[in-house]
Protein backbone atom coordinates (compact mmCIF):
# COMPACT_ATOMS: atom_id res chain seq x y z
CA MET A 1 129.39 80.58 120.94
CA GLY A 2 127.29 81.33 117.83
CA LYS A 3 124.29 83.56 117.48
CA ARG A 4 120.86 82.32 118.50
CA ILE A 5 118.45 82.14 115.60
CA THR A 6 114.86 80.77 115.40
CA ILE A 7 113.95 78.86 112.21
CA VAL A 8 111.03 76.46 111.18
CA LEU A 9 111.84 73.24 109.47
CA ASP A 10 109.72 71.05 107.70
CA ASP A 11 108.72 67.80 109.54
CA ASP A 12 110.55 65.66 107.19
CA LEU A 13 113.72 67.55 107.27
CA ALA A 14 113.68 67.53 111.16
CA LYS A 15 113.16 63.92 111.05
CA LYS A 16 116.14 63.31 108.93
CA LEU A 17 118.19 65.55 111.00
CA ARG A 18 117.18 63.62 114.11
CA ILE A 19 118.15 60.32 112.51
CA ILE A 20 121.49 61.77 111.75
CA GLN A 21 121.90 63.09 115.28
CA SER A 22 121.23 59.51 116.87
CA LYS A 23 123.67 57.77 114.30
CA MET A 24 126.36 60.66 115.52
CA ILE A 25 125.54 59.89 119.21
CA ALA A 26 125.86 56.14 118.70
CA LYS A 27 129.25 56.60 117.09
CA SER A 28 130.54 59.06 119.74
CA SER A 29 128.86 57.69 122.87
CA SER A 30 128.46 61.17 124.05
CA HIS A 31 125.68 64.05 123.79
CA ILE A 32 125.53 65.85 120.37
CA SER A 33 123.19 68.78 120.11
CA PHE A 34 120.57 69.16 117.43
CA SER A 35 122.25 72.50 116.87
CA LYS A 36 125.51 70.92 116.21
CA VAL A 37 124.14 68.69 113.67
CA ILE A 38 122.43 71.51 111.89
CA ASN A 39 125.72 73.55 111.99
CA GLU A 40 127.82 70.72 110.58
CA LYS A 41 125.34 69.78 107.78
CA LEU A 42 125.25 73.53 106.82
CA LYS A 43 129.12 73.98 106.84
CA LYS A 44 129.40 70.75 104.56
CA SER A 45 126.79 72.12 101.94
CA ILE A 46 127.56 75.82 102.02
CA LYS A 47 131.02 76.46 100.72
């Protein structure tokens, strides 16, 4: 388990991430947390 951190996201960014989350859920037919979406996107962009 990772470290719990509080961040503030811009509304437009949060909306885009929620859309990505809903697409991921539709593909997998299981629960995918918002944190998982953020972590996956950060891992892809920070190398």
